[in-house]
Protein backbone atom coordinates (compact mmCIF):
# COMPACT_ATOMS: atom_id res chain seq x y z
CA MET A 1 0.01 0.07 -0.08
CA THR A 2 1.57 3.24 -0.96
CA ILE A 3 0.30 6.74 0.87
CA LYS A 4 0.77 9.61 -0.95
CA ILE A 5 1.17 12.95 0.55
CA LYS A 6 1.10 16.41 -1.04
CA LEU A 7 3.89 18.94 -0.17
CA PRO A 8 3.86 22.60 -0.58
CA GLU A 9 6.27 23.52 -3.30
CA LYS A 10 9.70 25.05 -1.95
CA ASP A 11 9.13 28.54 -2.04
CA GLU A 12 5.92 27.79 -0.34
CA GLN A 13 7.93 26.09 2.42
CA ASP A 14 10.13 28.69 2.84
CA LYS A 15 7.52 31.27 3.65
CA ILE A 16 6.00 28.60 6.38
CA GLU A 17 9.47 28.57 7.52
CA THR A 18 9.77 32.03 7.75
CA PHE A 19 6.51 32.48 9.66
CA PHE A 20 7.05 30.18 12.48
CA LYS A 21 10.66 31.85 12.80
CA ASN A 22 9.13 35.03 13.34
CA MET A 23 6.68 33.46 15.57
CA GLU A 24 9.37 32.27 17.67
CA ASN A 25 11.36 35.39 17.92
CA LEU A 26 8.33 37.02 18.56
CA ILE A 27 7.27 34.35 21.52
CA GLN A 28 11.15 34.98 23.16
CA PHE A 29 10.53 38.60 22.91
CA SER A 30 7.17 38.38 24.83
CA GLN A 31 8.49 35.79 27.45
CA GLN A 32 11.69 38.42 28.07
CA GLU A 33 9.06 41.41 28.41
CA LEU A 34 7.06 39.69 30.82
CA ASP A 35 9.85 38.51 32.93
CA LYS A 36 11.32 42.05 33.36
CA PHE A 37 7.67 42.92 34.35
CA GLN A 38 7.73 40.22 36.79
CA SER A 39 11.01 41.55 38.40
CA ILE A 40 9.60 45.01 38.45
CA LYS A 41 6.67 43.90 40.21
CA LYS A 42 8.66 41.98 42.90
CA ALA A 43 10.99 44.77 43.39
CA LEU A 44 8.16 47.16 44.12
CA LEU A 45 6.22 45.04 46.11
CA GLU A 46 9.39 44.56 48.19
CA LYS A 47 9.79 48.11 48.64
CA MET A 48 6.32 48.44 49.82
CA PHE A 49 6.51 46.19 52.52
CA VAL A 50 9.73 46.75 54.15
């Protein structure tokens, strides 16, 4: 039994790859921003209760 799988053309694969790389970069940037804001929150809370 043979299974045929249709794959996008090479240029479409490249576009998909670029899209996912950009999404990964955006996720990493967002995580860094979240980490930064959580650090600021922690510092402010410590100052409030000292």
